[in-house]
């Protein structure tokens, strides 16, 4: 059996939202990687190679929609 956890990149700048999402995902056994801006999310992609990205829309520096477009391209 493979013990590799699914990696989730959580892109969220609101502290309480981040805590809530982190707790829920950890409870279900996911590995959590965090970023607080779209720019930070793009930088962390190559290093962490997440399986799933949960992207907030309203972020500092670069909004979530722009970051998602860059990631998809």
PDB file of N, CA and C in Angstrom:
ATOM      1  N   UNK A   1       0.836  -1.186   0.000  1.00  0.00           N
ATOM      2  CA  UNK A   1       0.000   0.000   0.000  1.00  0.00           C
ATOM      3  C   UNK A   1       0.876   1.242   0.000  1.00  0.00           C
ATOM      4  N   UNK A   2       0.479   2.262  -0.774  1.00  0.00           N
ATOM      5  CA  UNK A   2       1.233   3.494  -0.895  1.00  0.00           C
ATOM      6  C   UNK A   2       0.857   4.444   0.239  1.00  0.00           C
ATOM      7  N   UNK A   3       1.855   4.893   1.006  1.00  0.00           N
ATOM      8  CA  UNK A   3       1.600   5.793   2.132  1.00  0.00           C
ATOM      9  C   UNK A   3       1.770   7.261   1.769  1.00  0.00           C
ATOM     10  N   UNK A   4       1.893   7.581   0.498  1.00  0.00           N
ATOM     11  CA  UNK A   4       2.075   8.953   0.072  1.00  0.00           C
ATOM     12  C   UNK A   4       0.791   9.743   0.270  1.00  0.00           C
ATOM     13  N   UNK A   5       0.897  10.861   0.976  1.00  0.00           N
ATOM     14  CA  UNK A   5      -0.269  11.715   1.198  1.00  0.00           C
ATOM     15  C   UNK A   5      -0.509  12.592  -0.021  1.00  0.00           C
ATOM     16  N   UNK A   6      -1.752  12.912  -0.252  1.00  0.00           N
ATOM     17  CA  UNK A   6      -2.116  13.858  -1.301  1.00  0.00           C
ATOM     18  C   UNK A   6      -1.714  15.254  -0.826  1.00  0.00           C
ATOM     19  N   UNK A   7      -0.983  15.983  -1.679  1.00  0.00           N
ATOM     20  CA  UNK A   7      -0.528  17.335  -1.337  1.00  0.00           C
ATOM     21  C   UNK A   7      -1.555  18.356  -1.812  1.00  0.00           C
ATOM     22  N   UNK A   8      -1.964  19.223  -0.896  1.00  0.00           N
ATOM     23  CA  UNK A   8      -2.913  20.279  -1.216  1.00  0.00           C
ATOM     24  C   UNK A   8      -2.240  21.624  -0.970  1.00  0.00           C
ATOM     25  N   UNK A   9      -2.185  22.453  -2.006  1.00  0.00           N
ATOM     26  CA  UNK A   9      -1.694  23.817  -1.865  1.00  0.00           C
ATOM     27  C   UNK A   9      -2.887  24.699  -1.539  1.00  0.00           C
ATOM     28  N   UNK A  10      -2.864  25.302  -0.356  1.00  0.00           N
ATOM     29  CA  UNK A  10      -3.934  26.192   0.087  1.00  0.00           C
ATOM     30  C   UNK A  10      -3.430  27.624  -0.078  1.00  0.00           C
ATOM     31  N   UNK A  11      -4.076  28.370  -0.974  1.00  0.00           N
ATOM     32  CA  UNK A  11      -3.682  29.756  -1.231  1.00  0.00           C
ATOM     33  C   UNK A  11      -4.742  30.645  -0.607  1.00  0.00           C
ATOM     34  N   UNK A  12      -4.408  31.233   0.523  1.00  0.00           N
ATOM     35  CA  UNK A  12      -5.383  31.994   1.320  1.00  0.00           C
ATOM     36  C   UNK A  12      -4.623  33.022   2.145  1.00  0.00           C
ATOM     37  N   UNK A  13      -5.093  34.263   2.155  1.00  0.00           N
ATOM     38  CA  UNK A  13      -4.434  35.312   2.937  1.00  0.00           C
ATOM     39  C   UNK A  13      -5.134  35.593   4.261  1.00  0.00           C
ATOM     40  N   UNK A  14      -6.345  35.107   4.429  1.00  0.00           N
ATOM     41  CA  UNK A  14      -7.075  35.323   5.666  1.00  0.00           C
ATOM     42  C   UNK A  14      -6.686  34.249   6.683  1.00  0.00           C
ATOM     43  N   UNK A  15      -6.160  34.681   7.820  1.00  0.00           N
ATOM     44  CA  UNK A  15      -5.632  33.752   8.817  1.00  0.00           C
ATOM     45  C   UNK A  15      -6.669  32.736   9.292  1.00  0.00           C
ATOM     46  N   UNK A  16      -7.859  33.201   9.644  1.00  0.00           N
ATOM     47  CA  UNK A  16      -8.875  32.287  10.181  1.00  0.00           C
ATOM     48  C   UNK A  16      -9.351  31.289   9.125  1.00  0.00           C
ATOM     49  N   UNK A  17      -9.505  31.732   7.893  1.00  0.00           N
ATOM     50  CA  UNK A  17      -9.881  30.803   6.819  1.00  0.00           C
ATOM     51  C   UNK A  17      -8.800  29.745   6.632  1.00  0.00           C
ATOM     52  N   UNK A  18      -7.539  30.186   6.692  1.00  0.00           N
ATOM     53  CA  UNK A  18      -6.431  29.258   6.523  1.00  0.00           C
ATOM     54  C   UNK A  18      -6.398  28.215   7.647  1.00  0.00           C
ATOM     55  N   UNK A  19      -6.640  28.667   8.870  1.00  0.00           N
ATOM     56  CA  UNK A  19      -6.668  27.743  10.012  1.00  0.00           C
ATOM     57  C   UNK A  19      -7.779  26.716   9.834  1.00  0.00           C
ATOM     58  N   UNK A  20      -8.962  27.160   9.451  1.00  0.00           N
ATOM     59  CA  UNK A  20     -10.098  26.264   9.267  1.00  0.00           C
ATOM     60  C   UNK A  20      -9.816  25.221   8.190  1.00  0.00           C
ATOM     61  N   UNK A  21      -9.337  25.667   7.039  1.00  0.00           N
ATOM     62  CA  UNK A  21      -9.045  24.737   5.938  1.00  0.00           C
ATOM     63  C   UNK A  21      -7.937  23.770   6.345  1.00  0.00           C
ATOM     64  N   UNK A  22      -6.897  24.281   6.995  1.00  0.00           N
ATOM     65  CA  UNK A  22      -5.783  23.431   7.437  1.00  0.00           C
ATOM     66  C   UNK A  22      -6.272  22.332   8.374  1.00  0.00           C
ATOM     67  N   UNK A  23      -7.112  22.690   9.332  1.00  0.00           N
ATOM     68  CA  UNK A  23      -7.626  21.711  10.296  1.00  0.00           C
ATOM     69  C   UNK A  23      -8.477  20.633   9.617  1.00  0.00           C
ATOM     70  N   UNK A  24      -9.342  21.048   8.719  1.00  0.00           N
ATOM     71  CA  UNK A  24     -10.206  20.087   8.026  1.00  0.00           C
ATOM     72  C   UNK A  24      -9.373  19.136   7.168  1.00  0.00           C
ATOM     73  N   UNK A  25      -8.427  19.688   6.409  1.00  0.00           N
ATOM     74  CA  UNK A  25      -7.607  18.840   5.542  1.00  0.00           C
ATOM     75  C   UNK A  25      -6.697  17.911   6.346  1.00  0.00           C
ATOM     76  N   UNK A  26      -6.098  18.425   7.401  1.00  0.00           N
ATOM     77  CA  UNK A  26      -5.223  17.597   8.242  1.00  0.00           C
ATOM     78  C   UNK A  26      -6.006  16.454   8.881  1.00  0.00           C
ATOM     79  N   UNK A  27      -7.225  16.732   9.276  1.00  0.00           N
ATOM     80  CA  UNK A  27      -8.076  15.718   9.894  1.00  0.00           C
ATOM     81  C   UNK A  27      -8.324  14.550   8.923  1.00  0.00           C
ATOM     82  N   UNK A  28      -8.294  14.841   7.636  1.00  0.00           N
ATOM     83  CA  UNK A  28      -8.528  13.816   6.623  1.00  0.00           C
ATOM     84  C   UNK A  28      -7.235  13.274   6.018  1.00  0.00           C
ATOM     85  N   UNK A  29      -6.098  13.647   6.590  1.00  0.00           N
ATOM     86  CA  UNK A  29      -4.831  13.052   6.207  1.00  0.00           C
ATOM     87  C   UNK A  29      -4.104  13.674   5.032  1.00  0.00           C
ATOM     88  N   UNK A  30      -4.484  14.869   4.618  1.00  0.00           N
ATOM     89  CA  UNK A  30      -3.801  15.524   3.505  1.00  0.00           C
ATOM     90  C   UNK A  30      -2.530  16.215   3.974  1.00  0.00           C
ATOM     91  N   UNK A  31      -1.544  16.287   3.096  1.00  0.00           N
ATOM     92  CA  UNK A  31      -0.358  17.102   3.344  1.00  0.00           C
ATOM     93  C   UNK A  31      -0.693  18.514   2.868  1.00  0.00           C
ATOM     94  N   UNK A  32      -0.455  19.501   3.711  1.00  0.00           N
ATOM     95  CA  UNK A  32      -0.871  20.868   3.403  1.00  0.00           C
ATOM     96  C   UNK A  32       0.346  21.749   3.153  1.00  0.00           C
ATOM     97  N   UNK A  33       0.283  22.471   2.043  1.00  0.00           N
ATOM     98  CA  UNK A  33       1.278  23.469   1.701  1.00  0.00           C
ATOM     99  C   UNK A  33       0.513  24.786   1.651  1.00  0.00           C
ATOM    100  N   UNK A  34       1.077  25.849   2.210  1.00  0.00           N
ATOM    101  CA  UNK A  34       0.356  27.108   2.280  1.00  0.00           C
ATOM    102  C   UNK A  34       1.065  28.216   1.518  1.00  0.00           C
ATOM    103  N   UNK A  35       0.267  29.094   0.933  1.00  0.00           N
ATOM    104  CA  UNK A  35       0.754  30.313   0.293  1.00  0.00           C
ATOM    105  C   UNK A  35      -0.246  31.410   0.610  1.00  0.00           C
ATOM    106  N   UNK A  36       0.246  32.651   0.767  1.00  0.00           N
ATOM    107  CA  UNK A  36      -0.668  33.742   1.097  1.00  0.00           C
ATOM    108  C   UNK A  36      -0.921  34.704  -0.045  1.00  0.00           C
ATOM    109  N   UNK A  37      -0.370  34.421  -1.224  1.00  0.00           N
ATOM    110  CA  UNK A  37      -0.642  35.257  -2.392  1.00  0.00           C
ATOM    111  C   UNK A  37      -0.531  34.409  -3.652  1.00  0.00           C
ATOM    112  N   UNK A  38      -1.049  34.933  -4.741  1.00  0.00           N
ATOM    113  CA  UNK A  38      -0.928  34.239  -6.015  1.00  0.00           C
ATOM    114  C   UNK A  38       0.521  34.092  -6.435  1.00  0.00           C
ATOM    115  N   UNK A  39       1.302  35.132  -6.194  1.00  0.00           N
ATOM    116  CA  UNK A  39       2.730  35.103  -6.523  1.00  0.00           C
ATOM    117  C   UNK A  39       3.445  34.001  -5.749  1.00  0.00           C
ATOM    118  N   UNK A  40       3.166  33.912  -4.463  1.00  0.00           N
ATOM    119  CA  UNK A  40       3.773  32.876  -3.624  1.00  0.00           C
ATOM    120  C   UNK A  40       3.336  31.481  -4.070  1.00  0.00           C
ATOM    121  N   UNK A  41       2.087  31.349  -4.490  1.00  0.00           N
ATOM    122  CA  UNK A  41       1.580  30.052  -4.958  1.00  0.00           C
ATOM    123  C   UNK A  41       2.340  29.587  -6.192  1.00  0.00           C
ATOM    124  N   UNK A  42       2.543  30.494  -7.139  1.00  0.00           N
ATOM    125  CA  UNK A  42       3.256  30.139  -8.366  1.00  0.00           C
ATOM    126  C   UNK A  42       4.691  29.729  -8.052  1.00  0.00           C
ATOM    127  N   UNK A  43       5.339  30.441  -7.134  1.00  0.00           N
ATOM    128  CA  UNK A  43       6.715  30.105  -6.751  1.00  0.00           C
ATOM    129  C   UNK A  43       6.795  28.726  -6.085  1.00  0.00           C
ATOM    130  N   UNK A  44       5.782  28.382  -5.292  1.00  0.00           N
ATOM    131  CA  UNK A  44       5.837  27.115  -4.562  1.00  0.00           C
ATOM    132  C   UNK A  44       5.467  25.896  -5.417  1.00  0.00           C
ATOM    133  N   UNK A  45       4.878  26.119  -6.591  1.00  0.00           N
ATOM    134  CA  UNK A  45       4.461  24.999  -7.444  1.00  0.00           C
ATOM    135  C   UNK A  45       5.617  24.090  -7.837  1.00  0.00           C
ATOM    136  N   UNK A  46       6.696  24.658  -8.300  1.00  0.00           N
ATOM    137  CA  UNK A  46       7.827  23.838  -8.742  1.00  0.00           C
ATOM    138  C   UNK A  46       8.485  23.099  -7.590  1.00  0.00           C
ATOM    139  N   UNK A  47       8.510  23.716  -6.426  1.00  0.00           N
ATOM    140  CA  UNK A  47       9.163  23.098  -5.276  1.00  0.00           C
ATOM    141  C   UNK A  47       8.332  21.959  -4.686  1.00  0.00           C
ATOM    142  N   UNK A  48       7.029  22.136  -4.591  1.00  0.00           N
ATOM    143  CA  UNK A  48       6.176  21.180  -3.876  1.00  0.00           C
ATOM    144  C   UNK A  48       5.359  20.249  -4.769  1.00  0.00           C
ATOM    145  N   UNK A  49       5.065  20.654  -5.998  1.00  0.00           N
ATOM    146  CA  UNK A  49       4.283  19.840  -6.934  1.00  0.00           C
ATOM    147  C   UNK A  49       2.995  19.310  -6.292  1.00  0.00           C
ATOM    148  N   UNK A  50       2.063  20.202  -5.899  1.00  0.00           N
ATOM    149  CA  UNK A  50       0.823  19.755  -5.248  1.00  0.00           C
ATOM    150  C   UNK A  50      -0.079  18.976  -6.196  1.00  0.00           C
ATOM    151  N   UNK A  51      -0.903  18.122  -5.607  1.00  0.00           N
ATOM    152  CA  UNK A  51      -1.891  17.364  -6.368  1.00  0.00           C
ATOM    153  C   UNK A  51      -3.154  18.194  -6.604  1.00  0.00           C
ATOM    154  N   UNK A  52      -3.455  19.066  -5.642  1.00  0.00           N
ATOM    155  CA  UNK A  52      -4.671  19.881  -5.673  1.00  0.00           C
ATOM    156  C   UNK A  52      -4.310  21.293  -5.201  1.00  0.00           C
ATOM    157  N   UNK A  53      -4.970  22.295  -5.785  1.00  0.00           N
ATOM    158  CA  UNK A  53      -4.789  23.681  -5.343  1.00  0.00           C
ATOM    159  C   UNK A  53      -6.155  24.238  -4.955  1.00  0.00           C
ATOM    160  N   UNK A  54      -6.243  24.767  -3.741  1.00  0.00           N
ATOM    161  CA  UNK A  54      -7.434  25.497  -3.297  1.00  0.00           C
ATOM    162  C   UNK A  54      -7.059  26.976  -3.321  1.00  0.00           C
ATOM    163  N   UNK A  55      -7.623  27.722  -4.251  1.00  0.00           N
ATOM    164  CA  UNK A  55      -7.210  29.097  -4.509  1.00  0.00           C
ATOM    165  C   UNK A  55      -8.286  30.097  -4.094  1.00  0.00           C
ATOM    166  N   UNK A  56      -7.905  31.021  -3.230  1.00  0.00           N
ATOM    167  CA  UNK A  56      -8.762  32.155  -2.903  1.00  0.00           C
ATOM    168  C   UNK A  56      -8.772  33.096  -4.111  1.00  0.00           C
ATOM    169  N   UNK A  57      -9.808  33.865  -4.263  1.00  0.00           N
ATOM    170  CA  UNK A  57      -9.905  34.796  -5.396  1.00  0.00           C
ATOM    171  C   UNK A  57      -9.285  36.154  -5.048  1.00  0.00           C
ATOM    172  N   UNK A  58      -9.583  36.681  -3.874  1.00  0.00           N
ATOM    173  CA  UNK A  58      -9.089  37.998  -3.454  1.00  0.00           C
ATOM    174  C   UNK A  58      -7.808  37.827  -2.653  1.00  0.00           C
ATOM    175  N   UNK A  59      -6.675  38.098  -3.309  1.00  0.00           N
ATOM    176  CA  UNK A  59      -5.367  37.922  -2.687  1.00  0.00           C
ATOM    177  C   UNK A  59      -4.512  39.167  -2.915  1.00  0.00           C
ATOM    178  N   UNK A  60      -3.536  39.404  -2.038  1.00  0.00           N
ATOM    179  CA  UNK A  60      -2.617  40.522  -2.276  1.00  0.00           C
ATOM    180  C   UNK A  60      -1.637  40.172  -3.404  1.00  0.00           C
ATOM    181  N   UNK A  61      -1.007  41.187  -3.968  1.00  0.00           N
ATOM    182  CA  UNK A  61       0.003  41.057  -5.029  1.00  0.00           C
ATOM    183  C   UNK A  61      -0.607  40.598  -6.351  1.00  0.00           C
ATOM    184  N   UNK A  62      -1.166  39.402  -6.382  1.00  0.00           N
ATOM    185  CA  UNK A  62      -1.770  38.845  -7.593  1.00  0.00           C
ATOM    186  C   UNK A  62      -3.031  38.099  -7.179  1.00  0.00           C
ATOM    187  N   UNK A  63      -4.162  38.425  -7.807  1.00  0.00           N
ATOM    188  CA  UNK A  63      -5.408  37.771  -7.412  1.00  0.00           C
ATOM    189  C   UNK A  63      -5.430  36.309  -7.852  1.00  0.00           C
ATOM    190  N   UNK A  64      -6.347  35.567  -7.289  1.00  0.00           N
ATOM    191  CA  UNK A  64      -6.438  34.132  -7.547  1.00  0.00           C
ATOM    192  C   UNK A  64      -6.790  33.785  -8.978  1.00  0.00           C
ATOM    193  N   UNK A  65      -7.577  34.622  -9.627  1.00  0.00           N
ATOM    194  CA  UNK A  65      -7.955  34.350 -11.017  1.00  0.00           C
ATOM    195  C   UNK A  65      -6.732  34.455 -11.930  1.00  0.00           C
ATOM    196  N   UNK A  66      -5.942  35.508 -11.749  1.00  0.00           N
ATOM    197  CA  UNK A  66      -4.721  35.674 -12.536  1.00  0.00           C
ATOM    198  C   UNK A  66      -3.748  34.543 -12.266  1.00  0.00           C
ATOM    199  N   UNK A  67      -3.562  34.202 -11.006  1.00  0.00           N
ATOM    200  CA  UNK A  67      -2.652  33.107 -10.646  1.00  0.00           C
ATOM    201  C   UNK A  67      -3.107  31.791 -11.269  1.00  0.00           C
ATOM    202  N   UNK A  68      -4.399  31.537 -11.250  1.00  0.00           N
ATOM    203  CA  UNK A  68      -4.935  30.303 -11.839  1.00  0.00           C
ATOM    204  C   UNK A  68      -4.688  30.262 -13.333  1.00  0.00           C
ATOM    205  N   UNK A  69      -4.892  31.395 -13.999  1.00  0.00           N
ATOM    206  CA  UNK A  69      -4.619  31.454 -15.442  1.00  0.00           C
ATOM    207  C   UNK A  69      -3.160  31.138 -15.759  1.00  0.00           C
ATOM    208  N   UNK A  70      -2.248  31.693 -14.957  1.00  0.00           N
ATOM    209  CA  UNK A  70      -0.824  31.435 -15.162  1.00  0.00           C
ATOM    210  C   UNK A  70      -0.503  29.974 -14.914  1.00  0.00           C
ATOM    211  N   UNK A  71      -1.063  29.414 -13.867  1.00  0.00           N
ATOM    212  CA  UNK A  71      -0.815  28.005 -13.526  1.00  0.00           C
ATOM    213  C   UNK A  71      -1.334  27.092 -14.631  1.00  0.00           C
ATOM    214  N   UNK A  72      -2.511  27.382 -15.157  1.00  0.00           N
ATOM    215  CA  UNK A  72      -3.097  26.542 -16.205  1.00  0.00           C
ATOM    216  C   UNK A  72      -2.308  26.606 -17.516  1.00  0.00           C
ATOM    217  N   UNK A  73      -1.651  27.736 -17.761  1.00  0.00           N
ATOM    218  CA  UNK A  73      -0.945  27.888 -19.052  1.00  0.00           C
ATOM    219  C   UNK A  73       0.413  27.309 -19.043  1.00  0.00           C
TER     220      UNK A  73
END
